[in-house]
Amino acid sequence: MSERLNETASEPVAPADRRIAALRQAAQDKHQQAVQRAEAGIRRLIKEGEEINFRAVARAAGVSLDFLCAHTDLRKRIETLRGQQRTADRSAPQALSVDDGTVVHTLTEALRHPYRSSSS
C-alpha cells in the first residue's frame, strides 16, 4: 500500500533543486530585461536621430558591449542599422547653397575663381 501512495503523490523537491531553479529563473529574467532595455535603447537612438553603434546602444540601454555582441539578434540589428545610416550619410552629401552667404561658401568660391572680381 505504501508503494501505491508513492505513485500518486508527487515526489518532494530537494531544497537545493528549488534554489537552483530559482537562480535559473532569475538569470533568465535578468537576461530578458537586458534585451528589452537594449531594444528600447535602439528605438530611442533612432527616434532622436542619433548614431547607431554598439557603444551608443550599450550606453543608452545600460548593458555591456559583450552582452550586445553575444546576443545574435541584437548584434545583427545594430549592424544593419549602422550600415543603413552609413549608406544614408554617403548618399546625401550636403552641398553649399549659392544663397548660403556663409564665410565658407564665400572663400570656396574665391578659391575656385581666383581671377573673378569681387565687385562684379
N, C-alpha and C. Protein backbone atom coordinates (compact mmCIF):
# COMPACT_ATOMS: atom_id res chain seq x y z
N MET A 1 0.81 -1.18 0.00
CA MET A 1 0.00 0.00 0.00
C MET A 1 0.87 1.26 0.00
N SER A 2 1.99 1.21 0.62
CA SER A 2 2.87 2.36 0.62
C SER A 2 3.40 2.64 -0.77
N GLU A 3 3.57 1.60 -1.60
CA GLU A 3 4.01 1.80 -2.98
C GLU A 3 2.97 2.60 -3.74
N ARG A 4 1.72 2.29 -3.49
CA ARG A 4 0.64 2.97 -4.18
C ARG A 4 0.61 4.46 -3.81
N LEU A 5 0.87 4.83 -2.58
CA LEU A 5 0.89 6.21 -2.16
C LEU A 5 2.02 6.96 -2.84
N ASN A 6 3.16 6.32 -2.99
CA ASN A 6 4.29 6.96 -3.64
C ASN A 6 4.01 7.24 -5.11
N GLU A 7 3.23 6.37 -5.75
CA GLU A 7 2.93 6.55 -7.16
C GLU A 7 2.00 7.74 -7.37
N THR A 8 1.05 7.96 -6.49
CA THR A 8 0.09 9.04 -6.69
C THR A 8 0.59 10.37 -6.15
N ALA A 9 1.39 10.35 -5.13
CA ALA A 9 1.90 11.60 -4.56
C ALA A 9 3.13 12.05 -5.35
N SER A 10 3.27 13.35 -5.51
CA SER A 10 4.45 13.84 -6.21
C SER A 10 5.64 13.75 -5.27
N GLU A 11 6.78 13.51 -5.88
CA GLU A 11 7.98 13.39 -5.07
C GLU A 11 8.41 14.77 -4.59
N PRO A 12 8.86 14.85 -3.35
CA PRO A 12 9.29 16.15 -2.83
C PRO A 12 10.56 16.62 -3.55
N VAL A 13 10.63 17.92 -3.74
CA VAL A 13 11.78 18.50 -4.41
C VAL A 13 12.77 18.94 -3.33
N ALA A 14 14.02 18.60 -3.55
CA ALA A 14 15.05 18.94 -2.58
C ALA A 14 15.23 20.46 -2.54
N PRO A 15 15.55 21.02 -1.38
CA PRO A 15 15.75 22.48 -1.28
C PRO A 15 16.83 22.99 -2.23
N ALA A 16 17.88 22.23 -2.44
CA ALA A 16 18.94 22.65 -3.36
C ALA A 16 18.40 22.76 -4.78
N ASP A 17 17.54 21.84 -5.18
CA ASP A 17 16.95 21.88 -6.52
C ASP A 17 16.04 23.10 -6.69
N ARG A 18 15.32 23.45 -5.63
CA ARG A 18 14.46 24.64 -5.69
C ARG A 18 15.30 25.90 -5.83
N ARG A 19 16.41 25.97 -5.10
CA ARG A 19 17.29 27.12 -5.20
C ARG A 19 17.90 27.24 -6.59
N ILE A 20 18.30 26.11 -7.14
CA ILE A 20 18.88 26.11 -8.49
C ILE A 20 17.85 26.60 -9.50
N ALA A 21 16.63 26.09 -9.39
CA ALA A 21 15.56 26.51 -10.30
C ALA A 21 15.28 28.01 -10.16
N ALA A 22 15.29 28.51 -8.92
CA ALA A 22 15.03 29.93 -8.69
C ALA A 22 16.16 30.78 -9.28
N LEU A 23 17.41 30.34 -9.13
CA LEU A 23 18.54 31.06 -9.70
C LEU A 23 18.48 31.08 -11.23
N ARG A 24 18.12 29.96 -11.81
CA ARG A 24 17.99 29.90 -13.27
C ARG A 24 16.91 30.86 -13.76
N GLN A 25 15.79 30.86 -13.07
CA GLN A 25 14.69 31.75 -13.45
C GLN A 25 15.11 33.21 -13.30
N ALA A 26 15.81 33.53 -12.23
CA ALA A 26 16.27 34.91 -12.02
C ALA A 26 17.25 35.33 -13.12
N ALA A 27 18.12 34.42 -13.52
CA ALA A 27 19.08 34.73 -14.59
C ALA A 27 18.35 34.95 -15.92
N GLN A 28 17.34 34.14 -16.20
CA GLN A 28 16.56 34.31 -17.43
C GLN A 28 15.81 35.64 -17.41
N ASP A 29 15.25 35.98 -16.27
CA ASP A 29 14.53 37.26 -16.14
C ASP A 29 15.47 38.44 -16.35
N LYS A 30 16.65 38.36 -15.74
CA LYS A 30 17.64 39.43 -15.88
C LYS A 30 18.09 39.58 -17.33
N HIS A 31 18.29 38.47 -18.01
CA HIS A 31 18.67 38.49 -19.42
C HIS A 31 17.58 39.12 -20.27
N GLN A 32 16.33 38.72 -20.02
CA GLN A 32 15.21 39.27 -20.79
C GLN A 32 15.06 40.76 -20.56
N GLN A 33 15.26 41.21 -19.35
CA GLN A 33 15.18 42.65 -19.05
C GLN A 33 16.28 43.41 -19.78
N ALA A 34 17.47 42.82 -19.86
CA ALA A 34 18.58 43.48 -20.57
C ALA A 34 18.28 43.56 -22.06
N VAL A 35 17.68 42.52 -22.61
CA VAL A 35 17.29 42.54 -24.03
C VAL A 35 16.27 43.64 -24.27
N GLN A 36 15.29 43.75 -23.39
CA GLN A 36 14.27 44.78 -23.52
C GLN A 36 14.86 46.18 -23.40
N ARG A 37 15.82 46.37 -22.48
CA ARG A 37 16.48 47.67 -22.36
C ARG A 37 17.27 48.00 -23.61
N ALA A 38 17.94 46.99 -24.19
CA ALA A 38 18.72 47.22 -25.41
C ALA A 38 17.80 47.61 -26.57
N GLU A 39 16.67 46.92 -26.70
CA GLU A 39 15.73 47.25 -27.76
C GLU A 39 15.15 48.66 -27.57
N ALA A 40 14.85 49.01 -26.33
CA ALA A 40 14.35 50.36 -26.04
C ALA A 40 15.42 51.40 -26.34
N GLY A 41 16.67 51.09 -26.03
CA GLY A 41 17.77 52.00 -26.32
C GLY A 41 17.93 52.22 -27.81
N ILE A 42 17.80 51.16 -28.59
CA ILE A 42 17.89 51.28 -30.05
C ILE A 42 16.76 52.17 -30.57
N ARG A 43 15.55 51.92 -30.09
CA ARG A 43 14.41 52.73 -30.53
C ARG A 43 14.61 54.20 -30.18
N ARG A 44 15.12 54.46 -28.98
CA ARG A 44 15.34 55.84 -28.54
C ARG A 44 16.40 56.52 -29.42
N LEU A 45 17.48 55.81 -29.75
CA LEU A 45 18.52 56.39 -30.61
C LEU A 45 17.97 56.70 -32.00
N ILE A 46 17.15 55.81 -32.53
CA ILE A 46 16.54 56.03 -33.84
C ILE A 46 15.63 57.25 -33.79
N LYS A 47 14.79 57.31 -32.76
CA LYS A 47 13.83 58.41 -32.63
C LYS A 47 14.54 59.75 -32.52
N GLU A 48 15.66 59.78 -31.80
CA GLU A 48 16.40 61.03 -31.59
C GLU A 48 17.38 61.33 -32.73
N GLY A 49 17.46 60.42 -33.71
CA GLY A 49 18.35 60.64 -34.84
C GLY A 49 19.82 60.50 -34.50
N GLU A 50 20.11 59.77 -33.45
CA GLU A 50 21.49 59.58 -33.02
C GLU A 50 22.15 58.47 -33.84
N GLU A 51 23.48 58.47 -33.79
CA GLU A 51 24.23 57.43 -34.49
C GLU A 51 24.02 56.09 -33.78
N ILE A 52 23.79 55.05 -34.58
CA ILE A 52 23.59 53.71 -34.05
C ILE A 52 24.92 52.97 -34.15
N ASN A 53 25.46 52.60 -33.02
CA ASN A 53 26.64 51.73 -32.96
C ASN A 53 26.59 51.00 -31.62
N PHE A 54 27.51 50.06 -31.44
CA PHE A 54 27.46 49.25 -30.23
C PHE A 54 27.64 50.08 -28.96
N ARG A 55 28.57 51.02 -28.98
CA ARG A 55 28.81 51.84 -27.79
C ARG A 55 27.60 52.70 -27.44
N ALA A 56 26.97 53.29 -28.44
CA ALA A 56 25.81 54.15 -28.20
C ALA A 56 24.65 53.33 -27.63
N VAL A 57 24.43 52.15 -28.18
CA VAL A 57 23.33 51.30 -27.69
C VAL A 57 23.63 50.83 -26.27
N ALA A 58 24.88 50.41 -26.02
CA ALA A 58 25.24 49.95 -24.68
C ALA A 58 25.04 51.06 -23.66
N ARG A 59 25.44 52.28 -24.01
CA ARG A 59 25.29 53.42 -23.12
C ARG A 59 23.81 53.73 -22.89
N ALA A 60 23.03 53.75 -23.97
CA ALA A 60 21.60 54.10 -23.87
C ALA A 60 20.81 53.05 -23.09
N ALA A 61 21.24 51.79 -23.19
CA ALA A 61 20.48 50.70 -22.57
C ALA A 61 21.02 50.28 -21.21
N GLY A 62 22.23 50.71 -20.88
CA GLY A 62 22.81 50.28 -19.61
C GLY A 62 23.22 48.83 -19.63
N VAL A 63 23.70 48.36 -20.78
CA VAL A 63 24.20 46.99 -20.91
C VAL A 63 25.65 47.05 -21.38
N SER A 64 26.32 45.91 -21.34
CA SER A 64 27.72 45.88 -21.74
C SER A 64 27.85 45.63 -23.24
N LEU A 65 29.01 46.00 -23.76
CA LEU A 65 29.32 45.70 -25.16
C LEU A 65 29.33 44.20 -25.38
N ASP A 66 29.88 43.46 -24.42
CA ASP A 66 29.92 42.00 -24.54
C ASP A 66 28.53 41.41 -24.66
N PHE A 67 27.60 41.93 -23.89
CA PHE A 67 26.22 41.44 -23.95
C PHE A 67 25.65 41.64 -25.35
N LEU A 68 25.84 42.83 -25.91
CA LEU A 68 25.30 43.13 -27.24
C LEU A 68 25.93 42.24 -28.31
N CYS A 69 27.24 42.05 -28.21
CA CYS A 69 27.93 41.23 -29.21
C CYS A 69 27.57 39.76 -29.08
N ALA A 70 27.32 39.30 -27.87
CA ALA A 70 26.99 37.89 -27.65
C ALA A 70 25.55 37.56 -28.04
N HIS A 71 24.69 38.55 -28.06
CA HIS A 71 23.28 38.33 -28.40
C HIS A 71 23.12 38.50 -29.91
N THR A 72 22.96 37.41 -30.62
CA THR A 72 22.97 37.39 -32.08
C THR A 72 21.95 38.33 -32.70
N ASP A 73 20.72 38.31 -32.22
CA ASP A 73 19.67 39.15 -32.82
C ASP A 73 19.97 40.64 -32.64
N LEU A 74 20.40 41.01 -31.45
CA LEU A 74 20.73 42.42 -31.21
C LEU A 74 21.93 42.84 -32.05
N ARG A 75 22.94 41.98 -32.12
CA ARG A 75 24.14 42.31 -32.89
C ARG A 75 23.79 42.53 -34.36
N LYS A 76 22.98 41.64 -34.93
CA LYS A 76 22.60 41.79 -36.34
C LYS A 76 21.78 43.06 -36.56
N ARG A 77 20.90 43.38 -35.63
CA ARG A 77 20.06 44.57 -35.77
C ARG A 77 20.92 45.84 -35.72
N ILE A 78 21.86 45.89 -34.78
CA ILE A 78 22.73 47.06 -34.67
C ILE A 78 23.59 47.20 -35.92
N GLU A 79 24.15 46.10 -36.40
CA GLU A 79 24.98 46.14 -37.61
C GLU A 79 24.17 46.61 -38.81
N THR A 80 22.94 46.15 -38.93
CA THR A 80 22.07 46.56 -40.04
C THR A 80 21.75 48.05 -39.97
N LEU A 81 21.36 48.51 -38.79
CA LEU A 81 21.03 49.93 -38.63
C LEU A 81 22.25 50.81 -38.86
N ARG A 82 23.39 50.36 -38.37
CA ARG A 82 24.62 51.13 -38.57
C ARG A 82 24.95 51.23 -40.06
N GLY A 83 24.80 50.13 -40.77
CA GLY A 83 25.03 50.12 -42.21
C GLY A 83 24.06 51.02 -42.96
N GLN A 84 22.81 51.03 -42.55
CA GLN A 84 21.81 51.89 -43.19
C GLN A 84 22.15 53.36 -42.97
N GLN A 85 22.61 53.70 -41.78
CA GLN A 85 22.98 55.09 -41.51
C GLN A 85 24.17 55.51 -42.35
N ARG A 86 25.14 54.63 -42.49
CA ARG A 86 26.32 54.97 -43.29
C ARG A 86 25.95 55.17 -44.75
N THR A 87 25.06 54.32 -45.26
CA THR A 87 24.61 54.45 -46.64
C THR A 87 23.86 55.76 -46.82
N ALA A 88 23.01 56.10 -45.88
CA ALA A 88 22.24 57.35 -45.97
C ALA A 88 23.17 58.56 -45.90
N ASP A 89 24.20 58.48 -45.07
CA ASP A 89 25.14 59.59 -44.94
C ASP A 89 25.93 59.79 -46.23
N ARG A 90 26.30 58.72 -46.88
CA ARG A 90 27.07 58.82 -48.13
C ARG A 90 26.22 59.32 -49.29
N SER A 91 24.94 58.93 -49.31
CA SER A 91 24.11 59.27 -50.45
C SER A 91 23.57 60.70 -50.40
N ALA A 92 23.67 61.36 -49.25
CA ALA A 92 23.13 62.72 -49.14
C ALA A 92 24.20 63.70 -48.68
N PRO A 93 25.20 63.96 -49.52
CA PRO A 93 26.21 64.94 -49.11
C PRO A 93 25.60 66.33 -49.10
N GLN A 94 26.03 67.14 -48.18
CA GLN A 94 25.49 68.49 -48.08
C GLN A 94 26.30 69.41 -48.98
N ALA A 95 25.63 70.01 -49.93
CA ALA A 95 26.28 70.95 -50.84
C ALA A 95 26.02 72.36 -50.35
N LEU A 96 26.96 73.21 -50.61
CA LEU A 96 26.78 74.62 -50.25
C LEU A 96 25.80 75.27 -51.21
N SER A 97 24.91 76.02 -50.66
CA SER A 97 23.93 76.72 -51.47
C SER A 97 24.54 78.03 -51.95
N VAL A 98 24.14 78.44 -53.15
CA VAL A 98 24.61 79.72 -53.68
C VAL A 98 24.12 80.85 -52.79
N ASP A 99 22.94 80.68 -52.22
CA ASP A 99 22.34 81.72 -51.38
C ASP A 99 22.76 81.58 -49.92
N ASP A 100 23.70 80.69 -49.66
CA ASP A 100 24.10 80.40 -48.28
C ASP A 100 24.68 81.63 -47.59
N GLY A 101 25.61 82.32 -48.23
CA GLY A 101 26.17 83.54 -47.66
C GLY A 101 27.15 83.30 -46.53
N THR A 102 27.55 82.07 -46.31
CA THR A 102 28.49 81.80 -45.22
C THR A 102 29.90 82.12 -45.65
N VAL A 103 30.75 82.28 -44.69
CA VAL A 103 32.16 82.57 -44.95
C VAL A 103 32.79 81.41 -45.72
N VAL A 104 32.43 80.19 -45.37
CA VAL A 104 33.00 79.02 -46.05
C VAL A 104 32.64 79.06 -47.53
N HIS A 105 31.38 79.35 -47.81
CA HIS A 105 30.95 79.41 -49.20
C HIS A 105 31.68 80.51 -49.95
N THR A 106 31.79 81.66 -49.36
CA THR A 106 32.46 82.79 -49.99
C THR A 106 33.92 82.47 -50.28
N LEU A 107 34.60 81.90 -49.32
CA LEU A 107 36.01 81.55 -49.51
C LEU A 107 36.17 80.43 -50.55
N THR A 108 35.27 79.47 -50.54
CA THR A 108 35.34 78.39 -51.51
C THR A 108 35.18 78.93 -52.92
N GLU A 109 34.21 79.80 -53.10
CA GLU A 109 34.02 80.41 -54.42
C GLU A 109 35.23 81.24 -54.83
N ALA A 110 35.84 81.94 -53.89
CA ALA A 110 37.03 82.74 -54.19
C ALA A 110 38.19 81.86 -54.62
N LEU A 111 38.32 80.71 -54.03
CA LEU A 111 39.39 79.78 -54.40
C LEU A 111 39.10 79.13 -55.76
N ARG A 112 37.87 78.87 -56.05
CA ARG A 112 37.51 78.26 -57.33
C ARG A 112 37.73 79.23 -58.48
N HIS A 113 37.45 80.49 -58.24
CA HIS A 113 37.55 81.51 -59.28
C HIS A 113 38.44 82.66 -58.79
N PRO A 114 39.75 82.44 -58.76
CA PRO A 114 40.65 83.44 -58.16
C PRO A 114 40.72 84.74 -58.95
N TYR A 115 40.41 84.75 -60.23
CA TYR A 115 40.56 85.96 -61.05
C TYR A 115 39.26 86.72 -61.19
N ARG A 116 38.20 86.21 -60.60
CA ARG A 116 36.91 86.90 -60.67
C ARG A 116 36.95 88.07 -59.70
N SER A 117 36.49 89.18 -60.13
CA SER A 117 36.48 90.36 -59.30
C SER A 117 35.36 90.27 -58.27
N SER A 118 35.64 90.63 -57.05
CA SER A 118 34.62 90.55 -56.01
C SER A 118 33.62 91.68 -56.13
N SER A 119 33.91 92.75 -56.91
CA SER A 119 32.97 93.85 -57.05
C SER A 119 31.95 93.62 -58.16
N SER A 120 32.11 92.61 -58.98
CA SER A 120 31.17 92.38 -60.07
C SER A 120 29.97 91.59 -59.70
